[in-house]
Amino acid sequence: MSYQFPEYLNYADTHEYVLEENGLLKIGVSEFAIDQLGDIVFVELADQGTILEKGETFGTIESVKAVEEVYLPFSGEIVSVNESVTDNPELLQNDPIGEGWLVILKPESEVSIADLMTSKEYQSKVMPN
């Protein structure tokens, strides 16, 4: 399978991607990780307004193979939750980078996206030659 690794995204070791927009962070899960899970049957996300620390779980993704937790790469408040994904988990599987984003985070302080992997670094990690 051919995966997308858009250069405008940065990635955490735990396969979450981050897109910084106007001081907010749109967070989702990489195409590679979603493909590894197989058919997704259920998505549960933290509620809007929830304040979490870096590394804490903000949701779970259940597939026919496994249940995986998703983690925040930065501390902050969840200001938006993609209800479309919780209502229709296939959306996450079909378009994880576009319509399948999970939450938007308002970071509690300045964040350094450079602390995450670039798309090339992430691609090298998950698809070694």
N, C-alpha and C. Protein backbone atom coordinates (compact mmCIF):
# COMPACT_ATOMS: atom_id res chain seq x y z
N MET A 1 0.84 -1.18 0.00
CA MET A 1 0.00 0.00 0.00
C MET A 1 0.88 1.24 0.00
N SER A 2 0.44 2.25 -0.67
CA SER A 2 1.14 3.52 -0.72
C SER A 2 0.51 4.49 0.28
N TYR A 3 1.33 5.00 1.19
CA TYR A 3 0.83 5.90 2.22
C TYR A 3 1.21 7.34 1.91
N GLN A 4 0.39 8.25 2.38
CA GLN A 4 0.71 9.67 2.27
C GLN A 4 1.44 10.10 3.53
N PHE A 5 2.49 10.88 3.34
CA PHE A 5 3.24 11.49 4.44
C PHE A 5 3.39 12.98 4.12
N PRO A 6 2.30 13.75 4.18
CA PRO A 6 2.36 15.15 3.78
C PRO A 6 3.41 15.92 4.58
N GLU A 7 4.18 16.76 3.88
CA GLU A 7 5.27 17.50 4.52
C GLU A 7 4.76 18.54 5.51
N TYR A 8 3.50 18.94 5.42
CA TYR A 8 2.96 19.95 6.33
C TYR A 8 2.56 19.36 7.69
N LEU A 9 2.69 18.04 7.85
CA LEU A 9 2.38 17.39 9.13
C LEU A 9 3.66 17.02 9.86
N ASN A 10 3.56 16.97 11.19
CA ASN A 10 4.61 16.42 12.03
C ASN A 10 4.00 15.25 12.80
N TYR A 11 4.87 14.34 13.26
CA TYR A 11 4.38 13.09 13.83
C TYR A 11 5.01 12.79 15.19
N ALA A 12 4.21 12.20 16.07
CA ALA A 12 4.69 11.69 17.36
C ALA A 12 5.12 10.24 17.18
N ASP A 13 5.94 9.75 18.11
CA ASP A 13 6.37 8.34 18.09
C ASP A 13 5.19 7.39 18.13
N THR A 14 4.07 7.85 18.70
CA THR A 14 2.90 7.00 18.88
C THR A 14 1.93 7.09 17.70
N HIS A 15 2.39 7.64 16.57
CA HIS A 15 1.69 7.68 15.28
C HIS A 15 0.63 8.77 15.13
N GLU A 16 0.52 9.67 16.11
CA GLU A 16 -0.39 10.80 15.93
C GLU A 16 0.30 11.84 15.04
N TYR A 17 -0.49 12.49 14.20
CA TYR A 17 0.05 13.61 13.43
C TYR A 17 -0.47 14.91 14.02
N VAL A 18 0.27 15.98 13.77
CA VAL A 18 -0.10 17.31 14.26
C VAL A 18 0.02 18.31 13.12
N LEU A 19 -1.02 19.11 12.98
CA LEU A 19 -1.02 20.22 12.03
C LEU A 19 -1.28 21.49 12.83
N GLU A 20 -0.32 22.41 12.81
CA GLU A 20 -0.47 23.66 13.54
C GLU A 20 -1.17 24.68 12.65
N GLU A 21 -2.29 25.22 13.15
CA GLU A 21 -3.06 26.22 12.42
C GLU A 21 -3.51 27.32 13.37
N ASN A 22 -3.00 28.53 13.18
CA ASN A 22 -3.42 29.69 13.97
C ASN A 22 -3.30 29.45 15.47
N GLY A 23 -2.22 28.83 15.92
CA GLY A 23 -2.00 28.59 17.33
C GLY A 23 -2.71 27.38 17.90
N LEU A 24 -3.53 26.72 17.08
CA LEU A 24 -4.22 25.49 17.50
C LEU A 24 -3.58 24.30 16.82
N LEU A 25 -3.75 23.13 17.41
CA LEU A 25 -3.15 21.91 16.88
C LEU A 25 -4.23 20.91 16.50
N LYS A 26 -4.31 20.61 15.21
CA LYS A 26 -5.23 19.57 14.74
C LYS A 26 -4.48 18.25 14.84
N ILE A 27 -5.09 17.28 15.53
CA ILE A 27 -4.42 16.02 15.81
C ILE A 27 -5.23 14.85 15.24
N GLY A 28 -4.54 13.96 14.59
CA GLY A 28 -5.16 12.75 14.05
C GLY A 28 -4.17 11.60 14.13
N VAL A 29 -4.46 10.54 13.40
CA VAL A 29 -3.60 9.35 13.39
C VAL A 29 -3.16 9.09 11.96
N SER A 30 -1.91 8.72 11.80
CA SER A 30 -1.32 8.53 10.47
C SER A 30 -2.02 7.44 9.66
N GLU A 31 -1.94 7.59 8.35
CA GLU A 31 -2.47 6.56 7.45
C GLU A 31 -1.85 5.21 7.73
N PHE A 32 -0.54 5.21 7.96
CA PHE A 32 0.16 3.95 8.24
C PHE A 32 -0.45 3.24 9.43
N ALA A 33 -0.63 3.96 10.54
CA ALA A 33 -1.16 3.35 11.77
C ALA A 33 -2.59 2.87 11.57
N ILE A 34 -3.39 3.65 10.87
CA ILE A 34 -4.78 3.26 10.61
C ILE A 34 -4.81 1.98 9.79
N ASP A 35 -3.95 1.89 8.78
CA ASP A 35 -3.90 0.69 7.94
C ASP A 35 -3.50 -0.54 8.77
N GLN A 36 -2.58 -0.36 9.70
CA GLN A 36 -2.14 -1.47 10.55
C GLN A 36 -3.28 -1.99 11.44
N LEU A 37 -4.19 -1.10 11.80
CA LEU A 37 -5.31 -1.51 12.66
C LEU A 37 -6.34 -2.36 11.92
N GLY A 38 -6.49 -2.17 10.64
CA GLY A 38 -7.53 -2.89 9.90
C GLY A 38 -8.86 -2.16 9.99
N ASP A 39 -9.95 -2.90 9.85
CA ASP A 39 -11.28 -2.29 9.83
C ASP A 39 -11.63 -1.67 11.17
N ILE A 40 -11.89 -0.38 11.17
CA ILE A 40 -12.21 0.35 12.39
C ILE A 40 -13.70 0.28 12.64
N VAL A 41 -14.06 -0.10 13.88
CA VAL A 41 -15.47 -0.29 14.20
C VAL A 41 -15.99 0.71 15.24
N PHE A 42 -15.07 1.36 15.99
CA PHE A 42 -15.52 2.27 17.04
C PHE A 42 -14.43 3.26 17.37
N VAL A 43 -14.82 4.52 17.56
CA VAL A 43 -13.88 5.56 17.98
C VAL A 43 -14.49 6.30 19.16
N GLU A 44 -13.71 6.46 20.23
CA GLU A 44 -14.16 7.22 21.39
C GLU A 44 -13.12 8.30 21.65
N LEU A 45 -13.59 9.55 21.83
CA LEU A 45 -12.68 10.67 22.05
C LEU A 45 -13.07 11.43 23.32
N ALA A 46 -12.09 12.09 23.91
CA ALA A 46 -12.35 12.93 25.09
C ALA A 46 -13.32 14.04 24.71
N ASP A 47 -14.01 14.56 25.70
CA ASP A 47 -14.99 15.62 25.47
C ASP A 47 -14.32 16.96 25.23
N GLN A 48 -15.01 17.79 24.47
CA GLN A 48 -14.57 19.17 24.29
C GLN A 48 -14.48 19.82 25.67
N GLY A 49 -13.43 20.62 25.89
CA GLY A 49 -13.23 21.27 27.17
C GLY A 49 -12.33 20.49 28.11
N THR A 50 -12.02 19.24 27.77
CA THR A 50 -11.14 18.42 28.60
C THR A 50 -9.72 18.97 28.54
N ILE A 51 -9.08 19.08 29.69
CA ILE A 51 -7.69 19.53 29.77
C ILE A 51 -6.83 18.32 30.12
N LEU A 52 -5.82 18.08 29.29
CA LEU A 52 -4.97 16.91 29.46
C LEU A 52 -3.50 17.30 29.39
N GLU A 53 -2.67 16.46 29.96
CA GLU A 53 -1.23 16.66 29.92
C GLU A 53 -0.63 15.88 28.75
N LYS A 54 0.53 16.34 28.32
CA LYS A 54 1.27 15.65 27.27
C LYS A 54 1.42 14.18 27.62
N GLY A 55 1.15 13.30 26.66
CA GLY A 55 1.28 11.87 26.88
C GLY A 55 0.04 11.18 27.39
N GLU A 56 -0.96 11.97 27.82
CA GLU A 56 -2.20 11.36 28.29
C GLU A 56 -3.06 10.90 27.11
N THR A 57 -3.89 9.91 27.37
CA THR A 57 -4.80 9.37 26.37
C THR A 57 -5.96 10.33 26.14
N PHE A 58 -6.25 10.61 24.87
CA PHE A 58 -7.42 11.43 24.57
C PHE A 58 -8.49 10.64 23.83
N GLY A 59 -8.27 9.35 23.66
CA GLY A 59 -9.28 8.54 23.02
C GLY A 59 -8.80 7.13 22.73
N THR A 60 -9.73 6.34 22.19
CA THR A 60 -9.40 4.98 21.77
C THR A 60 -9.98 4.73 20.39
N ILE A 61 -9.28 3.89 19.66
CA ILE A 61 -9.73 3.45 18.33
C ILE A 61 -9.82 1.93 18.39
N GLU A 62 -11.01 1.42 18.11
CA GLU A 62 -11.23 -0.02 18.16
C GLU A 62 -11.38 -0.55 16.74
N SER A 63 -10.61 -1.58 16.44
CA SER A 63 -10.72 -2.23 15.14
C SER A 63 -11.05 -3.70 15.36
N VAL A 64 -11.20 -4.41 14.26
CA VAL A 64 -11.46 -5.84 14.39
C VAL A 64 -10.24 -6.57 14.95
N LYS A 65 -9.05 -5.95 14.88
CA LYS A 65 -7.82 -6.56 15.37
C LYS A 65 -7.46 -6.18 16.80
N ALA A 66 -7.73 -4.92 17.18
CA ALA A 66 -7.21 -4.43 18.47
C ALA A 66 -7.93 -3.17 18.91
N VAL A 67 -7.67 -2.78 20.15
CA VAL A 67 -8.11 -1.48 20.66
C VAL A 67 -6.84 -0.70 20.97
N GLU A 68 -6.68 0.45 20.35
CA GLU A 68 -5.49 1.27 20.53
C GLU A 68 -5.86 2.61 21.14
N GLU A 69 -5.03 3.08 22.06
CA GLU A 69 -5.22 4.40 22.64
C GLU A 69 -4.48 5.42 21.79
N VAL A 70 -5.00 6.66 21.80
CA VAL A 70 -4.32 7.75 21.13
C VAL A 70 -3.89 8.76 22.19
N TYR A 71 -2.70 9.34 21.99
CA TYR A 71 -2.07 10.15 23.02
C TYR A 71 -1.82 11.57 22.54
N LEU A 72 -1.90 12.51 23.47
CA LEU A 72 -1.62 13.91 23.15
C LEU A 72 -0.11 14.15 23.12
N PRO A 73 0.38 14.73 22.03
CA PRO A 73 1.80 15.05 21.97
C PRO A 73 2.15 16.34 22.72
N PHE A 74 1.14 17.11 23.13
CA PHE A 74 1.33 18.36 23.88
C PHE A 74 0.21 18.50 24.91
N SER A 75 0.47 19.22 25.98
CA SER A 75 -0.56 19.50 27.00
C SER A 75 -1.47 20.61 26.50
N GLY A 76 -2.74 20.55 26.92
CA GLY A 76 -3.65 21.62 26.57
C GLY A 76 -5.10 21.24 26.72
N GLU A 77 -5.97 22.10 26.17
CA GLU A 77 -7.41 21.89 26.24
C GLU A 77 -7.95 21.48 24.88
N ILE A 78 -8.78 20.45 24.88
CA ILE A 78 -9.44 20.03 23.65
C ILE A 78 -10.57 21.02 23.38
N VAL A 79 -10.42 21.77 22.29
CA VAL A 79 -11.41 22.81 21.98
C VAL A 79 -12.40 22.36 20.90
N SER A 80 -12.10 21.25 20.23
CA SER A 80 -13.02 20.71 19.24
C SER A 80 -12.79 19.21 19.09
N VAL A 81 -13.89 18.49 18.93
CA VAL A 81 -13.84 17.04 18.74
C VAL A 81 -14.55 16.74 17.42
N ASN A 82 -13.96 15.91 16.60
CA ASN A 82 -14.56 15.56 15.31
C ASN A 82 -15.64 14.50 15.53
N GLU A 83 -16.86 14.98 15.78
CA GLU A 83 -17.99 14.07 16.02
C GLU A 83 -18.29 13.20 14.80
N SER A 84 -17.93 13.67 13.61
CA SER A 84 -18.16 12.86 12.40
C SER A 84 -17.44 11.52 12.48
N VAL A 85 -16.26 11.52 13.08
CA VAL A 85 -15.48 10.28 13.20
C VAL A 85 -16.09 9.35 14.24
N THR A 86 -16.60 9.91 15.35
CA THR A 86 -17.21 9.04 16.35
C THR A 86 -18.53 8.47 15.84
N ASP A 87 -19.24 9.25 15.03
CA ASP A 87 -20.50 8.78 14.44
C ASP A 87 -20.28 7.81 13.29
N ASN A 88 -19.17 7.97 12.58
CA ASN A 88 -18.89 7.19 11.38
C ASN A 88 -17.41 6.81 11.37
N PRO A 89 -17.01 5.76 12.11
CA PRO A 89 -15.60 5.39 12.23
C PRO A 89 -14.91 5.09 10.90
N GLU A 90 -15.68 4.72 9.88
CA GLU A 90 -15.08 4.43 8.57
C GLU A 90 -14.42 5.68 8.00
N LEU A 91 -14.89 6.86 8.40
CA LEU A 91 -14.30 8.11 7.94
C LEU A 91 -12.83 8.18 8.31
N LEU A 92 -12.49 7.72 9.51
CA LEU A 92 -11.10 7.69 9.95
C LEU A 92 -10.28 6.76 9.07
N GLN A 93 -10.86 5.66 8.72
CA GLN A 93 -10.15 4.68 7.89
C GLN A 93 -10.00 5.17 6.45
N ASN A 94 -11.04 5.82 5.93
CA ASN A 94 -11.03 6.24 4.53
C ASN A 94 -10.25 7.53 4.28
N ASP A 95 -10.15 8.42 5.27
CA ASP A 95 -9.51 9.71 5.06
C ASP A 95 -8.90 10.23 6.36
N PRO A 96 -7.90 9.51 6.92
CA PRO A 96 -7.37 9.88 8.23
C PRO A 96 -6.71 11.26 8.27
N ILE A 97 -6.17 11.70 7.16
CA ILE A 97 -5.46 12.98 7.15
C ILE A 97 -6.41 14.14 6.84
N GLY A 98 -7.47 13.88 6.09
CA GLY A 98 -8.41 14.94 5.74
C GLY A 98 -9.55 15.02 6.72
N GLU A 99 -10.67 14.43 6.37
CA GLU A 99 -11.89 14.49 7.19
C GLU A 99 -11.80 13.64 8.46
N GLY A 100 -10.76 12.81 8.57
CA GLY A 100 -10.64 11.90 9.70
C GLY A 100 -9.82 12.41 10.87
N TRP A 101 -9.57 13.72 10.93
CA TRP A 101 -8.86 14.27 12.10
C TRP A 101 -9.67 13.96 13.35
N LEU A 102 -9.02 13.99 14.52
CA LEU A 102 -9.70 13.57 15.75
C LEU A 102 -10.08 14.74 16.66
N VAL A 103 -9.10 15.55 17.05
CA VAL A 103 -9.38 16.67 17.96
C VAL A 103 -8.56 17.88 17.55
N ILE A 104 -8.99 19.03 18.06
CA ILE A 104 -8.20 20.25 17.95
C ILE A 104 -7.85 20.67 19.37
N LEU A 105 -6.56 20.89 19.58
CA LEU A 105 -6.03 21.19 20.91
C LEU A 105 -5.55 22.64 20.98
N LYS A 106 -5.93 23.31 22.06
CA LYS A 106 -5.36 24.63 22.36
C LYS A 106 -4.25 24.37 23.36
N PRO A 107 -2.99 24.48 22.92
CA PRO A 107 -1.88 24.14 23.81
C PRO A 107 -1.84 25.08 25.01
N GLU A 108 -1.41 24.54 26.16
CA GLU A 108 -1.38 25.33 27.39
C GLU A 108 -0.26 26.35 27.38
N SER A 109 0.74 26.14 26.54
CA SER A 109 1.85 27.07 26.43
C SER A 109 2.42 26.96 25.02
N GLU A 110 3.45 27.74 24.76
CA GLU A 110 4.10 27.65 23.46
C GLU A 110 4.56 26.20 23.22
N VAL A 111 4.33 25.73 22.04
CA VAL A 111 4.77 24.37 21.70
C VAL A 111 5.84 24.46 20.62
N SER A 112 6.67 23.47 20.59
CA SER A 112 7.68 23.37 19.56
C SER A 112 7.37 22.15 18.70
N ILE A 113 6.80 22.42 17.54
CA ILE A 113 6.49 21.33 16.62
C ILE A 113 7.77 20.58 16.24
N ALA A 114 8.90 21.27 16.34
CA ALA A 114 10.19 20.65 16.01
C ALA A 114 10.51 19.48 16.95
N ASP A 115 9.80 19.39 18.09
CA ASP A 115 10.01 18.25 18.99
C ASP A 115 9.46 16.96 18.39
N LEU A 116 8.62 17.09 17.38
CA LEU A 116 8.03 15.93 16.72
C LEU A 116 8.85 15.57 15.48
N MET A 117 8.57 14.42 14.91
CA MET A 117 9.25 14.00 13.69
C MET A 117 8.68 14.73 12.48
N THR A 118 9.55 15.02 11.53
CA THR A 118 9.08 15.53 10.24
C THR A 118 8.44 14.36 9.49
N SER A 119 7.78 14.67 8.40
CA SER A 119 7.16 13.58 7.62
C SER A 119 8.22 12.61 7.10
N LYS A 120 9.37 13.13 6.69
CA LYS A 120 10.44 12.26 6.19
C LYS A 120 10.99 11.36 7.31
N GLU A 121 11.16 11.92 8.51
CA GLU A 121 11.65 11.13 9.65
C GLU A 121 10.65 10.04 10.02
N TYR A 122 9.38 10.40 10.03
CA TYR A 122 8.35 9.42 10.37
C TYR A 122 8.28 8.33 9.31
N GLN A 123 8.33 8.72 8.05
CA GLN A 123 8.29 7.74 6.97
C GLN A 123 9.48 6.78 7.08
N SER A 124 10.64 7.28 7.41
CA SER A 124 11.83 6.41 7.57
C SER A 124 11.64 5.45 8.74
N LYS A 125 10.94 5.90 9.79
CA LYS A 125 10.72 5.05 10.95
C LYS A 125 9.76 3.90 10.63
N VAL A 126 8.67 4.20 9.94
CA VAL A 126 7.64 3.18 9.73
C VAL A 126 7.82 2.39 8.44
N MET A 127 8.59 2.94 7.50
CA MET A 127 8.81 2.26 6.22
C MET A 127 10.30 2.20 5.91
N PRO A 128 11.09 1.55 6.75
CA PRO A 128 12.54 1.49 6.49
C PRO A 128 12.81 0.77 5.17
N ASN A 129 13.85 1.21 4.50
CA ASN A 129 14.15 0.63 3.18
C ASN A 129 14.53 -0.81 3.30
